[in-house]
Amino acid sequence: MLKLGTESFDDSSTLKSMTLVTLIYLPANFVSSILGMNRFDFDGDGTGAFTISKQFWIFIVLAVPLTLLTLASWYVVSRRTRRARERQMEGAAD
């Protein structure tokens, strides 16, 4: 039974890590899907140089705040869940 509990805890921490990574990359993925990948010019001016579009800043302006908003939302929800669990444990102890 102890082994089963330990494996369950390990799976839970792995899923939390995967969720956090997804939360970090999902907003940027969403923004790039909307804007498309036409922000790069792989041929350059015929010289074979790699250039970035002048409108690339739009991606940064949208992706960074969305990422921060997503992470902040995750933090708030996880704190509320943790507090509710702690209150429930205190109530069960009384």
PDB file of N, CA and C in Angstrom:
ATOM      1  N   MET A   1       0.822  -1.192   0.000  1.00  0.00           N
ATOM      2  CA  MET A   1       0.000   0.000   0.000  1.00  0.00           C
ATOM      3  C   MET A   1       0.869   1.261   0.000  1.00  0.00           C
ATOM      4  N   LEU A   2       1.959   1.206   0.757  1.00  0.00           N
ATOM      5  CA  LEU A   2       2.876   2.342   0.813  1.00  0.00           C
ATOM      6  C   LEU A   2       3.506   2.584  -0.556  1.00  0.00           C
ATOM      7  N   LYS A   3       3.866   1.516  -1.239  1.00  0.00           N
ATOM      8  CA  LYS A   3       4.473   1.633  -2.567  1.00  0.00           C
ATOM      9  C   LYS A   3       3.485   2.284  -3.539  1.00  0.00           C
ATOM     10  N   LEU A   4       2.221   1.884  -3.460  1.00  0.00           N
ATOM     11  CA  LEU A   4       1.193   2.450  -4.323  1.00  0.00           C
ATOM     12  C   LEU A   4       1.012   3.945  -4.049  1.00  0.00           C
ATOM     13  N   GLY A   5       1.042   4.330  -2.796  1.00  0.00           N
ATOM     14  CA  GLY A   5       0.933   5.741  -2.438  1.00  0.00           C
ATOM     15  C   GLY A   5       2.115   6.548  -2.938  1.00  0.00           C
ATOM     16  N   THR A   6       3.307   5.994  -2.841  1.00  0.00           N
ATOM     17  CA  THR A   6       4.518   6.672  -3.315  1.00  0.00           C
ATOM     18  C   THR A   6       4.474   6.849  -4.828  1.00  0.00           C
ATOM     19  N   GLU A   7       4.048   5.815  -5.554  1.00  0.00           N
ATOM     20  CA  GLU A   7       3.948   5.912  -7.007  1.00  0.00           C
ATOM     21  C   GLU A   7       2.912   6.954  -7.414  1.00  0.00           C
ATOM     22  N   SER A   8       1.821   7.022  -6.686  1.00  0.00           N
ATOM     23  CA  SER A   8       0.786   8.007  -6.970  1.00  0.00           C
ATOM     24  C   SER A   8       1.316   9.416  -6.754  1.00  0.00           C
ATOM     25  N   PHE A   9       2.084   9.622  -5.699  1.00  0.00           N
ATOM     26  CA  PHE A   9       2.679  10.933  -5.417  1.00  0.00           C
ATOM     27  C   PHE A   9       3.661  11.318  -6.512  1.00  0.00           C
ATOM     28  N   ASP A  10       4.486  10.369  -6.978  1.00  0.00           N
ATOM     29  CA  ASP A  10       5.447  10.641  -8.043  1.00  0.00           C
ATOM     30  C   ASP A  10       4.730  11.010  -9.343  1.00  0.00           C
ATOM     31  N   ASP A  11       3.650  10.296  -9.663  1.00  0.00           N
ATOM     32  CA  ASP A  11       2.877  10.617 -10.862  1.00  0.00           C
ATOM     33  C   ASP A  11       2.274  12.011 -10.752  1.00  0.00           C
ATOM     34  N   SER A  12       1.801  12.359  -9.569  1.00  0.00           N
ATOM     35  CA  SER A  12       1.198  13.668  -9.358  1.00  0.00           C
ATOM     36  C   SER A  12       2.220  14.785  -9.572  1.00  0.00           C
ATOM     37  N   SER A  13       3.420  14.627  -9.059  1.00  0.00           N
ATOM     38  CA  SER A  13       4.437  15.673  -9.226  1.00  0.00           C
ATOM     39  C   SER A  13       4.875  15.775 -10.679  1.00  0.00           C
ATOM     40  N   THR A  14       4.905  14.648 -11.399  1.00  0.00           N
ATOM     41  CA  THR A  14       5.248  14.681 -12.817  1.00  0.00           C
ATOM     42  C   THR A  14       4.183  15.431 -13.601  1.00  0.00           C
ATOM     43  N   LEU A  15       2.929  15.170 -13.305  1.00  0.00           N
ATOM     44  CA  LEU A  15       1.842  15.864 -14.001  1.00  0.00           C
ATOM     45  C   LEU A  15       1.838  17.359 -13.689  1.00  0.00           C
ATOM     46  N   LYS A  16       2.182  17.725 -12.470  1.00  0.00           N
ATOM     47  CA  LYS A  16       2.257  19.153 -12.124  1.00  0.00           C
ATOM     48  C   LYS A  16       3.357  19.826 -12.925  1.00  0.00           C
ATOM     49  N   SER A  17       4.492  19.155 -13.086  1.00  0.00           N
ATOM     50  CA  SER A  17       5.595  19.715 -13.876  1.00  0.00           C
ATOM     51  C   SER A  17       5.184  19.885 -15.333  1.00  0.00           C
ATOM     52  N   MET A  18       4.528  18.883 -15.884  1.00  0.00           N
ATOM     53  CA  MET A  18       4.081  18.964 -17.276  1.00  0.00           C
ATOM     54  C   MET A  18       3.051  20.078 -17.450  1.00  0.00           C
ATOM     55  N   THR A  19       2.183  20.246 -16.478  1.00  0.00           N
ATOM     56  CA  THR A  19       1.176  21.300 -16.534  1.00  0.00           C
ATOM     57  C   THR A  19       1.830  22.670 -16.509  1.00  0.00           C
ATOM     58  N   LEU A  20       2.827  22.837 -15.668  1.00  0.00           N
ATOM     59  CA  LEU A  20       3.526  24.120 -15.583  1.00  0.00           C
ATOM     60  C   LEU A  20       4.225  24.451 -16.895  1.00  0.00           C
ATOM     61  N   VAL A  21       4.874  23.478 -17.502  1.00  0.00           N
ATOM     62  CA  VAL A  21       5.547  23.707 -18.791  1.00  0.00           C
ATOM     63  C   VAL A  21       4.516  24.079 -19.856  1.00  0.00           C
ATOM     64  N   THR A  22       3.383  23.404 -19.842  1.00  0.00           N
ATOM     65  CA  THR A  22       2.317  23.718 -20.799  1.00  0.00           C
ATOM     66  C   THR A  22       1.802  25.131 -20.583  1.00  0.00           C
ATOM     67  N   LEU A  23       1.633  25.528 -19.333  1.00  0.00           N
ATOM     68  CA  LEU A  23       1.154  26.884 -19.041  1.00  0.00           C
ATOM     69  C   LEU A  23       2.124  27.939 -19.535  1.00  0.00           C
ATOM     70  N   ILE A  24       3.409  27.635 -19.517  1.00  0.00           N
ATOM     71  CA  ILE A  24       4.409  28.606 -19.964  1.00  0.00           C
ATOM     72  C   ILE A  24       4.383  28.765 -21.478  1.00  0.00           C
ATOM     73  N   TYR A  25       4.272  27.653 -22.199  1.00  0.00           N
ATOM     74  CA  TYR A  25       4.371  27.700 -23.653  1.00  0.00           C
ATOM     75  C   TYR A  25       3.037  27.889 -24.377  1.00  0.00           C
ATOM     76  N   LEU A  26       1.931  27.626 -23.745  1.00  0.00           N
ATOM     77  CA  LEU A  26       0.641  27.700 -24.410  1.00  0.00           C
ATOM     78  C   LEU A  26       0.281  29.098 -24.914  1.00  0.00           C
ATOM     79  N   PRO A  27       0.453  30.169 -24.136  1.00  0.00           N
ATOM     80  CA  PRO A  27       0.093  31.500 -24.664  1.00  0.00           C
ATOM     81  C   PRO A  27       0.903  31.892 -25.896  1.00  0.00           C
ATOM     82  N   ALA A  28       2.195  31.606 -25.892  1.00  0.00           N
ATOM     83  CA  ALA A  28       3.019  31.940 -27.058  1.00  0.00           C
ATOM     84  C   ALA A  28       2.586  31.114 -28.271  1.00  0.00           C
ATOM     85  N   ASN A  29       2.240  29.867 -28.040  1.00  0.00           N
ATOM     86  CA  ASN A  29       1.758  29.021 -29.120  1.00  0.00           C
ATOM     87  C   ASN A  29       0.453  29.564 -29.686  1.00  0.00           C
ATOM     88  N   PHE A  30      -0.423  30.010 -28.815  1.00  0.00           N
ATOM     89  CA  PHE A  30      -1.695  30.586 -29.232  1.00  0.00           C
ATOM     90  C   PHE A  30      -1.475  31.845 -30.069  1.00  0.00           C
ATOM     91  N   VAL A  31      -0.615  32.724 -29.601  1.00  0.00           N
ATOM     92  CA  VAL A  31      -0.354  33.979 -30.319  1.00  0.00           C
ATOM     93  C   VAL A  31       0.279  33.693 -31.674  1.00  0.00           C
ATOM     94  N   SER A  32       1.223  32.770 -31.721  1.00  0.00           N
ATOM     95  CA  SER A  32       1.869  32.471 -33.007  1.00  0.00           C
ATOM     96  C   SER A  32       0.890  31.831 -33.974  1.00  0.00           C
ATOM     97  N   SER A  33      -0.078  31.092 -33.463  1.00  0.00           N
ATOM     98  CA  SER A  33      -1.101  30.519 -34.341  1.00  0.00           C
ATOM     99  C   SER A  33      -1.967  31.614 -34.943  1.00  0.00           C
ATOM    100  N   ILE A  34      -2.285  32.607 -34.156  1.00  0.00           N
ATOM    101  CA  ILE A  34      -3.124  33.705 -34.649  1.00  0.00           C
ATOM    102  C   ILE A  34      -2.354  34.568 -35.651  1.00  0.00           C
ATOM    103  N   LEU A  35      -1.139  34.903 -35.311  1.00  0.00           N
ATOM    104  CA  LEU A  35      -0.362  35.798 -36.172  1.00  0.00           C
ATOM    105  C   LEU A  35       0.233  35.088 -37.376  1.00  0.00           C
ATOM    106  N   GLY A  36       0.379  33.780 -37.294  1.00  0.00           N
ATOM    107  CA  GLY A  36       1.018  33.043 -38.371  1.00  0.00           C
ATOM    108  C   GLY A  36       2.522  33.152 -38.252  1.00  0.00           C
ATOM    109  N   MET A  37       3.208  32.409 -39.047  1.00  0.00           N
ATOM    110  CA  MET A  37       4.670  32.417 -38.985  1.00  0.00           C
ATOM    111  C   MET A  37       5.281  33.256 -40.109  1.00  0.00           C
ATOM    112  N   ASN A  38       4.576  34.261 -40.567  1.00  0.00           N
ATOM    113  CA  ASN A  38       5.109  35.123 -41.615  1.00  0.00           C
ATOM    114  C   ASN A  38       5.926  36.280 -41.048  1.00  0.00           C
ATOM    115  N   ARG A  39       6.388  36.142 -39.831  1.00  0.00           N
ATOM    116  CA  ARG A  39       7.197  37.182 -39.199  1.00  0.00           C
ATOM    117  C   ARG A  39       8.680  36.985 -39.486  1.00  0.00           C
ATOM    118  N   PHE A  40       9.016  35.906 -40.199  1.00  0.00           N
ATOM    119  CA  PHE A  40      10.404  35.611 -40.517  1.00  0.00           C
ATOM    120  C   PHE A  40      10.584  35.548 -42.024  1.00  0.00           C
ATOM    121  N   ASP A  41      11.717  35.986 -42.481  1.00  0.00           N
ATOM    122  CA  ASP A  41      12.059  35.888 -43.901  1.00  0.00           C
ATOM    123  C   ASP A  41      13.312  35.031 -43.996  1.00  0.00           C
ATOM    124  N   PHE A  42      13.117  33.779 -44.395  1.00  0.00           N
ATOM    125  CA  PHE A  42      14.234  32.841 -44.406  1.00  0.00           C
ATOM    126  C   PHE A  42      15.153  33.036 -45.607  1.00  0.00           C
ATOM    127  N   ASP A  43      14.668  33.664 -46.663  1.00  0.00           N
ATOM    128  CA  ASP A  43      15.500  33.884 -47.841  1.00  0.00           C
ATOM    129  C   ASP A  43      16.256  35.201 -47.768  1.00  0.00           C
ATOM    130  N   GLY A  44      15.783  36.093 -46.951  1.00  0.00           N
ATOM    131  CA  GLY A  44      16.424  37.401 -46.853  1.00  0.00           C
ATOM    132  C   GLY A  44      16.230  38.175 -48.140  1.00  0.00           C
ATOM    133  N   ASP A  45      17.211  38.923 -48.506  1.00  0.00           N
ATOM    134  CA  ASP A  45      17.159  39.731 -49.731  1.00  0.00           C
ATOM    135  C   ASP A  45      17.838  39.006 -50.887  1.00  0.00           C
ATOM    136  N   GLY A  46      17.699  37.708 -50.912  1.00  0.00           N
ATOM    137  CA  GLY A  46      18.370  36.925 -51.947  1.00  0.00           C
ATOM    138  C   GLY A  46      19.775  36.539 -51.538  1.00  0.00           C
ATOM    139  N   THR A  47      20.208  36.962 -50.355  1.00  0.00           N
ATOM    140  CA  THR A  47      21.558  36.648 -49.883  1.00  0.00           C
ATOM    141  C   THR A  47      21.583  35.400 -49.020  1.00  0.00           C
ATOM    142  N   GLY A  48      20.405  34.843 -48.731  1.00  0.00           N
ATOM    143  CA  GLY A  48      20.339  33.661 -47.869  1.00  0.00           C
ATOM    144  C   GLY A  48      20.376  34.014 -46.395  1.00  0.00           C
ATOM    145  N   ALA A  49      20.280  35.294 -46.078  1.00  0.00           N
ATOM    146  CA  ALA A  49      20.315  35.734 -44.680  1.00  0.00           C
ATOM    147  C   ALA A  49      18.945  35.556 -44.040  1.00  0.00           C
ATOM    148  N   PHE A  50      18.943  35.362 -42.746  1.00  0.00           N
ATOM    149  CA  PHE A  50      17.718  35.188 -41.961  1.00  0.00           C
ATOM    150  C   PHE A  50      17.362  36.530 -41.341  1.00  0.00           C
ATOM    151  N   THR A  51      16.179  37.043 -41.643  1.00  0.00           N
ATOM    152  CA  THR A  51      15.758  38.323 -41.083  1.00  0.00           C
ATOM    153  C   THR A  51      14.416  38.165 -40.382  1.00  0.00           C
ATOM    154  N   ILE A  52      14.197  39.029 -39.408  1.00  0.00           N
ATOM    155  CA  ILE A  52      12.954  39.035 -38.649  1.00  0.00           C
ATOM    156  C   ILE A  52      12.135  40.238 -39.092  1.00  0.00           C
ATOM    157  N   SER A  53      10.835  40.038 -39.228  1.00  0.00           N
ATOM    158  CA  SER A  53       9.936  41.103 -39.652  1.00  0.00           C
ATOM    159  C   SER A  53       9.953  42.246 -38.646  1.00  0.00           C
ATOM    160  N   LYS A  54       9.637  43.430 -39.119  1.00  0.00           N
ATOM    161  CA  LYS A  54       9.577  44.599 -38.235  1.00  0.00           C
ATOM    162  C   LYS A  54       8.370  44.531 -37.306  1.00  0.00           C
ATOM    163  N   GLN A  55       7.384  43.698 -37.627  1.00  0.00           N
ATOM    164  CA  GLN A  55       6.204  43.548 -36.779  1.00  0.00           C
ATOM    165  C   GLN A  55       6.352  42.414 -35.763  1.00  0.00           C
ATOM    166  N   PHE A  56       7.538  41.871 -35.589  1.00  0.00           N
ATOM    167  CA  PHE A  56       7.755  40.779 -34.641  1.00  0.00           C
ATOM    168  C   PHE A  56       7.454  41.236 -33.211  1.00  0.00           C
ATOM    169  N   TRP A  57       7.588  42.506 -32.934  1.00  0.00           N
ATOM    170  CA  TRP A  57       7.307  43.037 -31.594  1.00  0.00           C
ATOM    171  C   TRP A  57       5.868  42.761 -31.176  1.00  0.00           C
ATOM    172  N   ILE A  58       4.957  42.635 -32.141  1.00  0.00           N
ATOM    173  CA  ILE A  58       3.558  42.338 -31.812  1.00  0.00           C
ATOM    174  C   ILE A  58       3.467  40.993 -31.107  1.00  0.00           C
ATOM    175  N   PHE A  59       4.234  40.023 -31.596  1.00  0.00           N
ATOM    176  CA  PHE A  59       4.255  38.702 -30.967  1.00  0.00           C
ATOM    177  C   PHE A  59       4.724  38.806 -29.518  1.00  0.00           C
ATOM    178  N   ILE A  60       5.798  39.527 -29.285  1.00  0.00           N
ATOM    179  CA  ILE A  60       6.351  39.671 -27.929  1.00  0.00           C
ATOM    180  C   ILE A  60       5.351  40.396 -27.023  1.00  0.00           C
ATOM    181  N   VAL A  61       4.748  41.456 -27.543  1.00  0.00           N
ATOM    182  CA  VAL A  61       3.800  42.248 -26.747  1.00  0.00           C
ATOM    183  C   VAL A  61       2.577  41.422 -26.355  1.00  0.00           C
ATOM    184  N   LEU A  62       2.160  40.498 -27.202  1.00  0.00           N
ATOM    185  CA  LEU A  62       1.011  39.653 -26.887  1.00  0.00           C
ATOM    186  C   LEU A  62       1.389  38.422 -26.073  1.00  0.00           C
ATOM    187  N   ALA A  63       2.482  37.784 -26.422  1.00  0.00           N
ATOM    188  CA  ALA A  63       2.848  36.507 -25.792  1.00  0.00           C
ATOM    189  C   ALA A  63       3.302  36.668 -24.343  1.00  0.00           C
ATOM    190  N   VAL A  64       4.117  37.650 -24.052  1.00  0.00           N
ATOM    191  CA  VAL A  64       4.649  37.801 -22.693  1.00  0.00           C
ATOM    192  C   VAL A  64       3.544  38.121 -21.679  1.00  0.00           C
ATOM    193  N   PRO A  65       2.682  39.103 -21.922  1.00  0.00           N
ATOM    194  CA  PRO A  65       1.610  39.341 -20.943  1.00  0.00           C
ATOM    195  C   PRO A  65       0.647  38.155 -20.796  1.00  0.00           C
ATOM    196  N   LEU A  66       0.341  37.470 -21.906  1.00  0.00           N
ATOM    197  CA  LEU A  66      -0.528  36.306 -21.806  1.00  0.00           C
ATOM    198  C   LEU A  66       0.117  35.199 -20.978  1.00  0.00           C
ATOM    199  N   THR A  67       1.414  35.017 -21.145  1.00  0.00           N
ATOM    200  CA  THR A  67       2.127  34.013 -20.346  1.00  0.00           C
ATOM    201  C   THR A  67       2.095  34.393 -18.871  1.00  0.00           C
ATOM    202  N   LEU A  68       2.367  35.650 -18.567  1.00  0.00           N
ATOM    203  CA  LEU A  68       2.352  36.100 -17.175  1.00  0.00           C
ATOM    204  C   LEU A  68       0.951  35.990 -16.575  1.00  0.00           C
ATOM    205  N   LEU A  69      -0.063  36.330 -17.352  1.00  0.00           N
ATOM    206  CA  LEU A  69      -1.440  36.213 -16.886  1.00  0.00           C
ATOM    207  C   LEU A  69      -1.806  34.752 -16.613  1.00  0.00           C
ATOM    208  N   THR A  70      -1.382  33.861 -17.484  1.00  0.00           N
ATOM    209  CA  THR A  70      -1.662  32.437 -17.304  1.00  0.00           C
ATOM    210  C   THR A  70      -0.980  31.900 -16.055  1.00  0.00           C
ATOM    211  N   LEU A  71       0.300  32.244 -15.864  1.00  0.00           N
ATOM    212  CA  LEU A  71       1.028  31.776 -14.682  1.00  0.00           C
ATOM    213  C   LEU A  71       0.452  32.368 -13.397  1.00  0.00           C
ATOM    214  N   ALA A  72       0.053  33.630 -13.443  1.00  0.00           N
ATOM    215  CA  ALA A  72      -0.553  34.250 -12.257  1.00  0.00           C
ATOM    216  C   ALA A  72      -1.884  33.586 -11.917  1.00  0.00           C
ATOM    217  N   SER A  73      -2.673  33.269 -12.924  1.00  0.00           N
ATOM    218  CA  SER A  73      -3.943  32.573 -12.688  1.00  0.00           C
ATOM    219  C   SER A  73      -3.709  31.207 -12.074  1.00  0.00           C
ATOM    220  N   TRP A  74      -2.715  30.488 -12.588  1.00  0.00           N
ATOM    221  CA  TRP A  74      -2.385  29.172 -12.040  1.00  0.00           C
ATOM    222  C   TRP A  74      -1.953  29.295 -10.575  1.00  0.00           C
ATOM    223  N   TYR A  75      -1.165  30.323 -10.276  1.00  0.00           N
ATOM    224  CA  TYR A  75      -0.684  30.516  -8.911  1.00  0.00           C
ATOM    225  C   TYR A  75      -1.851  30.800  -7.967  1.00  0.00           C
ATOM    226  N   VAL A  76      -2.759  31.666  -8.380  1.00  0.00           N
ATOM    227  CA  VAL A  76      -3.909  32.010  -7.535  1.00  0.00           C
ATOM    228  C   VAL A  76      -4.796  30.789  -7.296  1.00  0.00           C
ATOM    229  N   VAL A  77      -5.082  30.046  -8.333  1.00  0.00           N
ATOM    230  CA  VAL A  77      -5.932  28.868  -8.191  1.00  0.00           C
ATOM    231  C   VAL A  77      -5.265  27.820  -7.313  1.00  0.00           C
ATOM    232  N   SER A  78      -3.972  27.606  -7.485  1.00  0.00           N
ATOM    233  CA  SER A  78      -3.283  26.599  -6.662  1.00  0.00           C
ATOM    234  C   SER A  78      -3.225  27.029  -5.196  1.00  0.00           C
ATOM    235  N   ARG A  79      -3.065  28.321  -4.928  1.00  0.00           N
ATOM    236  CA  ARG A  79      -3.079  28.790  -3.527  1.00  0.00           C
ATOM    237  C   ARG A  79      -4.442  28.608  -2.893  1.00  0.00           C
ATOM    238  N   ARG A  80      -5.505  28.933  -3.648  1.00  0.00           N
ATOM    239  CA  ARG A  80      -6.860  28.751  -3.119  1.00  0.00           C
ATOM    240  C   ARG A  80      -7.139  27.287  -2.832  1.00  0.00           C
ATOM    241  N   THR A  81      -6.710  26.424  -3.725  1.00  0.00           N
ATOM    242  CA  THR A  81      -6.916  24.990  -3.531  1.00  0.00           C
ATOM    243  C   THR A  81      -6.157  24.497  -2.303  1.00  0.00           C
ATOM    244  N   ARG A  82      -4.927  24.954  -2.152  1.00  0.00           N
ATOM    245  CA  ARG A  82      -4.112  24.548  -1.006  1.00  0.00           C
ATOM    246  C   ARG A  82      -4.728  25.039   0.302  1.00  0.00           C
ATOM    247  N   ARG A  83      -5.196  26.290   0.317  1.00  0.00           N
ATOM    248  CA  ARG A  83      -5.829  26.830   1.533  1.00  0.00           C
ATOM    249  C   ARG A  83      -7.106  26.079   1.885  1.00  0.00           C
ATOM    250  N   ALA A  84      -7.910  25.771   0.869  1.00  0.00           N
ATOM    251  CA  ALA A  84      -9.146  25.028   1.115  1.00  0.00           C
ATOM    252  C   ALA A  84      -8.830  23.637   1.668  1.00  0.00           C
ATOM    253  N   ARG A  85      -7.801  23.007   1.138  1.00  0.00           N
ATOM    254  CA  ARG A  85      -7.399  21.687   1.628  1.00  0.00           C
ATOM    255  C   ARG A  85      -6.911  21.762   3.073  1.00  0.00           C
ATOM    256  N   GLU A  86      -6.145  22.822   3.395  1.00  0.00           N
ATOM    257  CA  GLU A  86      -5.664  22.989   4.759  1.00  0.00           C
ATOM    258  C   GLU A  86      -6.814  23.240   5.723  1.00  0.00           C
ATOM    259  N   ARG A  87      -7.799  24.043   5.326  1.00  0.00           N
ATOM    260  CA  ARG A  87      -8.973  24.283   6.176  1.00  0.00           C
ATOM    261  C   ARG A  87      -9.759  22.986   6.386  1.00  0.00           C
ATOM    262  N   GLN A  88      -9.849  22.214   5.340  1.00  0.00           N
ATOM    263  CA  GLN A  88     -10.572  20.945   5.437  1.00  0.00           C
ATOM    264  C   GLN A  88      -9.864  19.997   6.398  1.00  0.00           C
ATOM    265  N   MET A  89      -8.534  19.991   6.349  1.00  0.00           N
ATOM    266  CA  MET A  89      -7.748  19.125   7.241  1.00  0.00           C
ATOM    267  C   MET A  89      -7.886  19.601   8.681  1.00  0.00           C
ATOM    268  N   GLU A  90      -7.900  20.932   8.891  1.00  0.00           N
ATOM    269  CA  GLU A  90      -8.069  21.464  10.246  1.00  0.00           C
ATOM    270  C   GLU A  90      -9.445  21.138  10.780  1.00  0.00           C
ATOM    271  N   GLY A  91     -10.446  21.225   9.917  1.00  0.00           N
ATOM    272  CA  GLY A  91     -11.816  20.901  10.323  1.00  0.00           C
ATOM    273  C   GLY A  91     -11.981  19.436  10.658  1.00  0.00           C
ATOM    274  N   ALA A  92     -11.274  18.578   9.956  1.00  0.00           N
ATOM    275  CA  ALA A  92     -11.353  17.142  10.204  1.00  0.00           C
ATOM    276  C   ALA A  92     -10.616  16.776  11.500  1.00  0.00           C
ATOM    277  N   ALA A  93      -9.587  17.576  11.853  1.00  0.00           N
ATOM    278  CA  ALA A  93      -8.824  17.304  13.072  1.00  0.00           C
ATOM    279  C   ALA A  93      -9.608  17.688  14.319  1.00  0.00           C
ATOM    280  N   ASP A  94     -10.528  18.639  14.187  1.00  0.00           N
ATOM    281  CA  ASP A  94     -11.300  19.090  15.364  1.00  0.00           C
ATOM    282  C   ASP A  94     -12.366  18.154  15.731  1.00  0.00           C
TER     283      ASP A  94
END
